[in-house]
């Protein structure tokens, strides 16, 4: 979503009580954290594959240093939204699809902002998954090995398991993440393998709000 699109998103009268700040990179946003009282960070993902883990790194750092700031992600599609929600190591207050109609986007953002920094999983984030659906430690380990180029046989050796067990865990991970191919699974594996990383490559836009 372009800067113009983000500005248009906040033209609704419901956002009159907020001031919008747009940032092209993480470092610029972080440099203002100590003197601007932001209430919400809205991270708009670009179409780049690596952007997902960059986003999670930024949000994890923000959660640790400024936990009262709401953390909202604008995702490109449902697959990306699901991956971000399930693999985020820190709580997301909301994930919104950029493909939704403008009126719907504005309504969802308004509800999130009106929560006044409070986390309410049942209202703020319809992507929340029951904890029983989250990846197990073994499933995460398998994805990490896959991203490093290990074969199923090599992963079985590394984890001291038989191949059938590894394949079963891999299948379970695919079902939980809603992917149907190794390519889709590697998208998730990339996040797990490289997170966290000292990587400050920039998101397309980082609007931050303060009331």
C-alpha atoms as a PDB file:
ATOM      1  CA  UNK A   1       0.000   0.000   0.000  1.00  0.00           C
ATOM      2  CA  UNK A   2       1.456   3.349  -1.062  1.00  0.00           C
ATOM      3  CA  UNK A   3       1.809   6.451   1.107  1.00  0.00           C
ATOM      4  CA  UNK A   4      -1.076   7.968  -0.830  1.00  0.00           C
ATOM      5  CA  UNK A   5      -3.216   4.911  -0.103  1.00  0.00           C
ATOM      6  CA  UNK A   6      -2.412   5.013   3.610  1.00  0.00           C
ATOM      7  CA  UNK A   7      -3.231   8.714   3.827  1.00  0.00           C
ATOM      8  CA  UNK A   8      -6.533   8.087   2.052  1.00  0.00           C
ATOM      9  CA  UNK A   9      -7.280   5.294   4.514  1.00  0.00           C
ATOM     10  CA  UNK A  10      -7.186   7.788   7.390  1.00  0.00           C
ATOM     11  CA  UNK A  11      -9.391  10.428   5.767  1.00  0.00           C
ATOM     12  CA  UNK A  12     -12.472   9.071   7.507  1.00  0.00           C
ATOM     13  CA  UNK A  13     -13.859  11.344  10.278  1.00  0.00           C
ATOM     14  CA  UNK A  14     -13.528   8.439  12.748  1.00  0.00           C
ATOM     15  CA  UNK A  15      -9.761   9.054  12.742  1.00  0.00           C
ATOM     16  CA  UNK A  16      -9.964  12.765  13.502  1.00  0.00           C
ATOM     17  CA  UNK A  17      -8.475  12.247  16.954  1.00  0.00           C
ATOM     18  CA  UNK A  18      -5.296  10.702  15.579  1.00  0.00           C
ATOM     19  CA  UNK A  19      -2.181  12.052  13.940  1.00  0.00           C
ATOM     20  CA  UNK A  20      -0.570   9.827  11.323  1.00  0.00           C
ATOM     21  CA  UNK A  21       3.206   9.548  10.861  1.00  0.00           C
ATOM     22  CA  UNK A  22       4.546   7.694   7.796  1.00  0.00           C
ATOM     23  CA  UNK A  23       7.975   6.030   7.774  1.00  0.00           C
ATOM     24  CA  UNK A  24       9.813   4.402   4.880  1.00  0.00           C
ATOM     25  CA  UNK A  25      12.137   2.405   7.106  1.00  0.00           C
ATOM     26  CA  UNK A  26      12.314   0.874  10.553  1.00  0.00           C
ATOM     27  CA  UNK A  27      15.290   2.917  11.733  1.00  0.00           C
ATOM     28  CA  UNK A  28      13.491   6.222  11.134  1.00  0.00           C
ATOM     29  CA  UNK A  29      10.506   5.037  13.143  1.00  0.00           C
ATOM     30  CA  UNK A  30      12.626   3.697  15.995  1.00  0.00           C
ATOM     31  CA  UNK A  31      14.548   6.970  16.262  1.00  0.00           C
ATOM     32  CA  UNK A  32      11.324   8.742  17.257  1.00  0.00           C
ATOM     33  CA  UNK A  33      10.073   6.250  19.835  1.00  0.00           C
ATOM     34  CA  UNK A  34      11.532   8.040  22.844  1.00  0.00           C
ATOM     35  CA  UNK A  35       9.835  11.361  22.209  1.00  0.00           C
ATOM     36  CA  UNK A  36       6.609  10.652  20.285  1.00  0.00           C
ATOM     37  CA  UNK A  37       3.763   9.025  22.297  1.00  0.00           C
ATOM     38  CA  UNK A  38       2.513   6.556  19.684  1.00  0.00           C
ATOM     39  CA  UNK A  39      -0.580   4.550  20.474  1.00  0.00           C
ATOM     40  CA  UNK A  40      -0.407   2.185  17.486  1.00  0.00           C
ATOM     41  CA  UNK A  41       2.075   0.857  14.939  1.00  0.00           C
ATOM     42  CA  UNK A  42       0.540  -0.215  11.628  1.00  0.00           C
ATOM     43  CA  UNK A  43       3.018  -2.249   9.596  1.00  0.00           C
ATOM     44  CA  UNK A  44       2.117  -2.464   5.910  1.00  0.00           C
ATOM     45  CA  UNK A  45       3.791  -5.484   4.322  1.00  0.00           C
ATOM     46  CA  UNK A  46       5.246  -5.201   0.834  1.00  0.00           C
ATOM     47  CA  UNK A  47       5.149  -8.038  -1.678  1.00  0.00           C
ATOM     48  CA  UNK A  48       8.722  -9.093  -0.907  1.00  0.00           C
ATOM     49  CA  UNK A  49       9.103 -12.581   0.585  1.00  0.00           C
ATOM     50  CA  UNK A  50      11.608 -11.515   3.246  1.00  0.00           C
ATOM     51  CA  UNK A  51       9.309  -8.768   4.463  1.00  0.00           C
ATOM     52  CA  UNK A  52       7.393 -11.157   6.706  1.00  0.00           C
ATOM     53  CA  UNK A  53      10.294 -11.915   8.986  1.00  0.00           C
ATOM     54  CA  UNK A  54      11.467  -8.284   8.889  1.00  0.00           C
ATOM     55  CA  UNK A  55       8.024  -7.324  10.152  1.00  0.00           C
ATOM     56  CA  UNK A  56       8.111  -9.879  12.965  1.00  0.00           C
ATOM     57  CA  UNK A  57      11.572  -8.730  14.043  1.00  0.00           C
ATOM     58  CA  UNK A  58      10.385  -5.133  14.229  1.00  0.00           C
ATOM     59  CA  UNK A  59       7.231  -6.048  16.114  1.00  0.00           C
ATOM     60  CA  UNK A  60       9.083  -8.269  18.594  1.00  0.00           C
ATOM     61  CA  UNK A  61      11.535  -5.472  19.367  1.00  0.00           C
ATOM     62  CA  UNK A  62       8.660  -3.028  19.781  1.00  0.00           C
ATOM     63  CA  UNK A  63       6.785  -5.405  22.100  1.00  0.00           C
ATOM     64  CA  UNK A  64       9.873  -5.694  24.293  1.00  0.00           C
ATOM     65  CA  UNK A  65      10.699  -1.989  24.441  1.00  0.00           C
ATOM     66  CA  UNK A  66       7.283  -0.318  24.131  1.00  0.00           C
ATOM     67  CA  UNK A  67       4.711  -2.941  25.045  1.00  0.00           C
ATOM     68  CA  UNK A  68       1.816  -0.492  25.363  1.00  0.00           C
ATOM     69  CA  UNK A  69       1.902   0.366  21.647  1.00  0.00           C
ATOM     70  CA  UNK A  70      -0.663  -1.576  19.640  1.00  0.00           C
ATOM     71  CA  UNK A  71       0.814  -3.724  16.880  1.00  0.00           C
ATOM     72  CA  UNK A  72      -1.249  -4.090  13.704  1.00  0.00           C
ATOM     73  CA  UNK A  73      -0.225  -5.681  10.402  1.00  0.00           C
ATOM     74  CA  UNK A  74      -1.662  -4.955   6.962  1.00  0.00           C
ATOM     75  CA  UNK A  75      -1.260  -8.224   5.033  1.00  0.00           C
ATOM     76  CA  UNK A  76      -1.599  -8.795   1.302  1.00  0.00           C
ATOM     77  CA  UNK A  77      -3.798 -11.906   1.444  1.00  0.00           C
ATOM     78  CA  UNK A  78      -5.256 -14.555   3.731  1.00  0.00           C
ATOM     79  CA  UNK A  79      -2.268 -16.896   3.376  1.00  0.00           C
ATOM     80  CA  UNK A  80       0.149 -14.181   4.446  1.00  0.00           C
ATOM     81  CA  UNK A  81      -2.120 -13.137   7.309  1.00  0.00           C
ATOM     82  CA  UNK A  82      -2.339 -16.715   8.579  1.00  0.00           C
ATOM     83  CA  UNK A  83       1.435 -17.198   8.467  1.00  0.00           C
ATOM     84  CA  UNK A  84       2.092 -13.928  10.276  1.00  0.00           C
ATOM     85  CA  UNK A  85      -0.405 -14.742  12.989  1.00  0.00           C
ATOM     86  CA  UNK A  86       0.747 -18.291  13.655  1.00  0.00           C
ATOM     87  CA  UNK A  87       4.483 -17.610  13.557  1.00  0.00           C
ATOM     88  CA  UNK A  88       4.655 -14.291  15.368  1.00  0.00           C
ATOM     89  CA  UNK A  89       6.663 -14.693  18.605  1.00  0.00           C
ATOM     90  CA  UNK A  90       4.949 -11.648  20.095  1.00  0.00           C
ATOM     91  CA  UNK A  91       1.274 -10.797  20.303  1.00  0.00           C
ATOM     92  CA  UNK A  92      -0.343  -9.022  17.375  1.00  0.00           C
ATOM     93  CA  UNK A  93      -3.350  -6.896  18.191  1.00  0.00           C
ATOM     94  CA  UNK A  94      -4.751  -7.204  14.682  1.00  0.00           C
ATOM     95  CA  UNK A  95      -4.115  -8.431  11.149  1.00  0.00           C
ATOM     96  CA  UNK A  96      -6.083  -6.732   8.387  1.00  0.00           C
ATOM     97  CA  UNK A  97      -6.208  -7.600   4.694  1.00  0.00           C
ATOM     98  CA  UNK A  98      -5.209  -4.766   2.372  1.00  0.00           C
ATOM     99  CA  UNK A  99      -7.493  -6.306  -0.241  1.00  0.00           C
ATOM    100  CA  UNK A 100     -10.597  -5.577   1.847  1.00  0.00           C
ATOM    101  CA  UNK A 101     -12.842  -2.697   0.689  1.00  0.00           C
ATOM    102  CA  UNK A 102     -11.850   0.742   1.975  1.00  0.00           C
ATOM    103  CA  UNK A 103     -14.891   1.015   4.212  1.00  0.00           C
ATOM    104  CA  UNK A 104     -14.100  -2.344   5.797  1.00  0.00           C
ATOM    105  CA  UNK A 105     -10.455  -1.393   6.344  1.00  0.00           C
ATOM    106  CA  UNK A 106     -11.481   1.839   8.033  1.00  0.00           C
ATOM    107  CA  UNK A 107     -14.029   0.058  10.221  1.00  0.00           C
ATOM    108  CA  UNK A 108     -11.526  -2.579  11.351  1.00  0.00           C
ATOM    109  CA  UNK A 109      -8.832  -0.010  12.108  1.00  0.00           C
ATOM    110  CA  UNK A 110     -11.302   2.149  13.988  1.00  0.00           C
ATOM    111  CA  UNK A 111     -12.278  -0.768  16.227  1.00  0.00           C
ATOM    112  CA  UNK A 112      -8.638  -1.590  16.924  1.00  0.00           C
ATOM    113  CA  UNK A 113      -7.723   1.994  17.760  1.00  0.00           C
ATOM    114  CA  UNK A 114     -10.747   2.382  20.016  1.00  0.00           C
ATOM    115  CA  UNK A 115      -9.529  -0.559  22.070  1.00  0.00           C
ATOM    116  CA  UNK A 116      -7.048   1.928  23.530  1.00  0.00           C
ATOM    117  CA  UNK A 117      -4.053  -0.428  23.508  1.00  0.00           C
ATOM    118  CA  UNK A 118      -5.956  -3.283  25.158  1.00  0.00           C
ATOM    119  CA  UNK A 119      -5.533  -6.767  23.737  1.00  0.00           C
ATOM    120  CA  UNK A 120      -8.821  -8.493  22.992  1.00  0.00           C
ATOM    121  CA  UNK A 121      -8.215 -11.582  20.896  1.00  0.00           C
ATOM    122  CA  UNK A 122     -11.867 -12.345  20.157  1.00  0.00           C
ATOM    123  CA  UNK A 123     -12.521  -8.878  18.723  1.00  0.00           C
ATOM    124  CA  UNK A 124      -9.236  -7.536  17.417  1.00  0.00           C
ATOM    125  CA  UNK A 125      -7.829 -10.483  15.534  1.00  0.00           C
ATOM    126  CA  UNK A 126     -10.016 -13.020  13.741  1.00  0.00           C
ATOM    127  CA  UNK A 127      -6.848 -14.858  12.731  1.00  0.00           C
ATOM    128  CA  UNK A 128      -6.136 -16.086  16.269  1.00  0.00           C
ATOM    129  CA  UNK A 129      -5.667 -19.860  16.306  1.00  0.00           C
ATOM    130  CA  UNK A 130      -6.339 -22.203  19.204  1.00  0.00           C
ATOM    131  CA  UNK A 131      -3.066 -23.085  20.970  1.00  0.00           C
ATOM    132  CA  UNK A 132      -3.517 -26.733  20.045  1.00  0.00           C
ATOM    133  CA  UNK A 133      -3.073 -25.691  16.420  1.00  0.00           C
ATOM    134  CA  UNK A 134       0.320 -24.044  16.941  1.00  0.00           C
ATOM    135  CA  UNK A 135       3.469 -25.728  15.679  1.00  0.00           C
ATOM    136  CA  UNK A 136       5.154 -28.152  18.046  1.00  0.00           C
ATOM    137  CA  UNK A 137       8.891 -27.827  18.823  1.00  0.00           C
ATOM    138  CA  UNK A 138       9.599 -30.796  16.528  1.00  0.00           C
ATOM    139  CA  UNK A 139       7.577 -29.285  13.681  1.00  0.00           C
ATOM    140  CA  UNK A 140       9.436 -25.988  14.071  1.00  0.00           C
ATOM    141  CA  UNK A 141      12.779 -27.804  14.065  1.00  0.00           C
ATOM    142  CA  UNK A 142      11.871 -29.637  10.859  1.00  0.00           C
ATOM    143  CA  UNK A 143      10.948 -26.364   9.127  1.00  0.00           C
ATOM    144  CA  UNK A 144      14.211 -24.786  10.238  1.00  0.00           C
ATOM    145  CA  UNK A 145      16.224 -27.689   8.857  1.00  0.00           C
ATOM    146  CA  UNK A 146      14.242 -27.562   5.593  1.00  0.00           C
ATOM    147  CA  UNK A 147      15.037 -23.887   5.140  1.00  0.00           C
ATOM    148  CA  UNK A 148      18.743 -24.722   5.545  1.00  0.00           C
ATOM    149  CA  UNK A 149      18.503 -27.228   2.699  1.00  0.00           C
ATOM    150  CA  UNK A 150      18.370 -30.492   4.667  1.00  0.00           C
ATOM    151  CA  UNK A 151      16.621 -33.486   3.081  1.00  0.00           C
ATOM    152  CA  UNK A 152      14.022 -35.510   4.962  1.00  0.00           C
ATOM    153  CA  UNK A 153      16.628 -38.252   5.518  1.00  0.00           C
ATOM    154  CA  UNK A 154      19.134 -35.736   6.885  1.00  0.00           C
ATOM    155  CA  UNK A 155      16.504 -34.186   9.163  1.00  0.00           C
ATOM    156  CA  UNK A 156      15.628 -37.638  10.497  1.00  0.00           C
ATOM    157  CA  UNK A 157      19.300 -38.196  11.287  1.00  0.00           C
ATOM    158  CA  UNK A 158      19.668 -34.807  12.968  1.00  0.00           C
ATOM    159  CA  UNK A 159      16.590 -35.342  15.142  1.00  0.00           C
ATOM    160  CA  UNK A 160      17.237 -39.051  15.707  1.00  0.00           C
ATOM    161  CA  UNK A 161      13.830 -40.006  14.331  1.00  0.00           C
ATOM    162  CA  UNK A 162      12.741 -42.322  11.544  1.00  0.00           C
ATOM    163  CA  UNK A 163      11.719 -40.915   8.169  1.00  0.00           C
ATOM    164  CA  UNK A 164       8.032 -41.782   8.587  1.00  0.00           C
ATOM    165  CA  UNK A 165       7.880 -39.771  11.828  1.00  0.00           C
ATOM    166  CA  UNK A 166       9.535 -36.777  10.181  1.00  0.00           C
ATOM    167  CA  UNK A 167       7.133 -36.942   7.237  1.00  0.00           C
ATOM    168  CA  UNK A 168       4.180 -37.118   9.624  1.00  0.00           C
ATOM    169  CA  UNK A 169       5.390 -34.022  11.497  1.00  0.00           C
ATOM    170  CA  UNK A 170       5.954 -32.230   8.199  1.00  0.00           C
ATOM    171  CA  UNK A 171       2.411 -33.062   7.083  1.00  0.00           C
ATOM    172  CA  UNK A 172       0.995 -31.832  10.402  1.00  0.00           C
ATOM    173  CA  UNK A 173       2.891 -28.554  10.022  1.00  0.00           C
ATOM    174  CA  UNK A 174       1.463 -28.076   6.535  1.00  0.00           C
ATOM    175  CA  UNK A 175      -2.065 -28.664   7.789  1.00  0.00           C
ATOM    176  CA  UNK A 176      -1.646 -26.203  10.667  1.00  0.00           C
ATOM    177  CA  UNK A 177      -0.188 -23.518   8.427  1.00  0.00           C
ATOM    178  CA  UNK A 178      -2.738 -24.070   5.673  1.00  0.00           C
ATOM    179  CA  UNK A 179      -0.149 -24.726   2.962  1.00  0.00           C
ATOM    180  CA  UNK A 180      -0.198 -27.504   0.386  1.00  0.00           C
ATOM    181  CA  UNK A 181       3.329 -27.595  -1.037  1.00  0.00           C
ATOM    182  CA  UNK A 182       6.968 -27.510  -0.002  1.00  0.00           C
ATOM    183  CA  UNK A 183       7.216 -24.006  -1.473  1.00  0.00           C
ATOM    184  CA  UNK A 184       4.491 -22.764   0.842  1.00  0.00           C
ATOM    185  CA  UNK A 185       6.087 -24.553   3.762  1.00  0.00           C
ATOM    186  CA  UNK A 186       9.431 -22.903   3.031  1.00  0.00           C
ATOM    187  CA  UNK A 187       7.799 -19.477   3.271  1.00  0.00           C
ATOM    188  CA  UNK A 188       7.054 -20.314   6.899  1.00  0.00           C
ATOM    189  CA  UNK A 189      10.407 -22.038   7.377  1.00  0.00           C
ATOM    190  CA  UNK A 190      12.236 -18.909   6.270  1.00  0.00           C
ATOM    191  CA  UNK A 191      10.637 -16.924   9.077  1.00  0.00           C
ATOM    192  CA  UNK A 192      11.542 -19.505  11.707  1.00  0.00           C
ATOM    193  CA  UNK A 193      15.113 -19.972  10.515  1.00  0.00           C
ATOM    194  CA  UNK A 194      16.020 -16.326  10.271  1.00  0.00           C
ATOM    195  CA  UNK A 195      14.042 -14.979  13.220  1.00  0.00           C
ATOM    196  CA  UNK A 196      15.243 -12.972  14.939  1.00  0.00           C
ATOM    197  CA  UNK A 197      17.808 -11.423  12.614  1.00  0.00           C
ATOM    198  CA  UNK A 198      19.741  -8.145  12.839  1.00  0.00           C
ATOM    199  CA  UNK A 199      18.139  -7.127   9.585  1.00  0.00           C
ATOM    200  CA  UNK A 200      16.887  -3.582   9.118  1.00  0.00           C
ATOM    201  CA  UNK A 201      15.738  -3.779   5.557  1.00  0.00           C
ATOM    202  CA  UNK A 202      12.735  -1.557   5.231  1.00  0.00           C
ATOM    203  CA  UNK A 203       9.010  -2.188   4.972  1.00  0.00           C
ATOM    204  CA  UNK A 204       7.184  -0.334   2.247  1.00  0.00           C
ATOM    205  CA  UNK A 205       5.512   1.976   4.747  1.00  0.00           C
ATOM    206  CA  UNK A 206       5.377   2.136   8.522  1.00  0.00           C
ATOM    207  CA  UNK A 207       2.592   4.443   9.648  1.00  0.00           C
ATOM    208  CA  UNK A 208       2.535   5.104  13.364  1.00  0.00           C
ATOM    209  CA  UNK A 209      -0.259   6.856  15.179  1.00  0.00           C
ATOM    210  CA  UNK A 210      -0.563   8.816  18.348  1.00  0.00           C
ATOM    211  CA  UNK A 211      -3.683  10.293  19.823  1.00  0.00           C
END
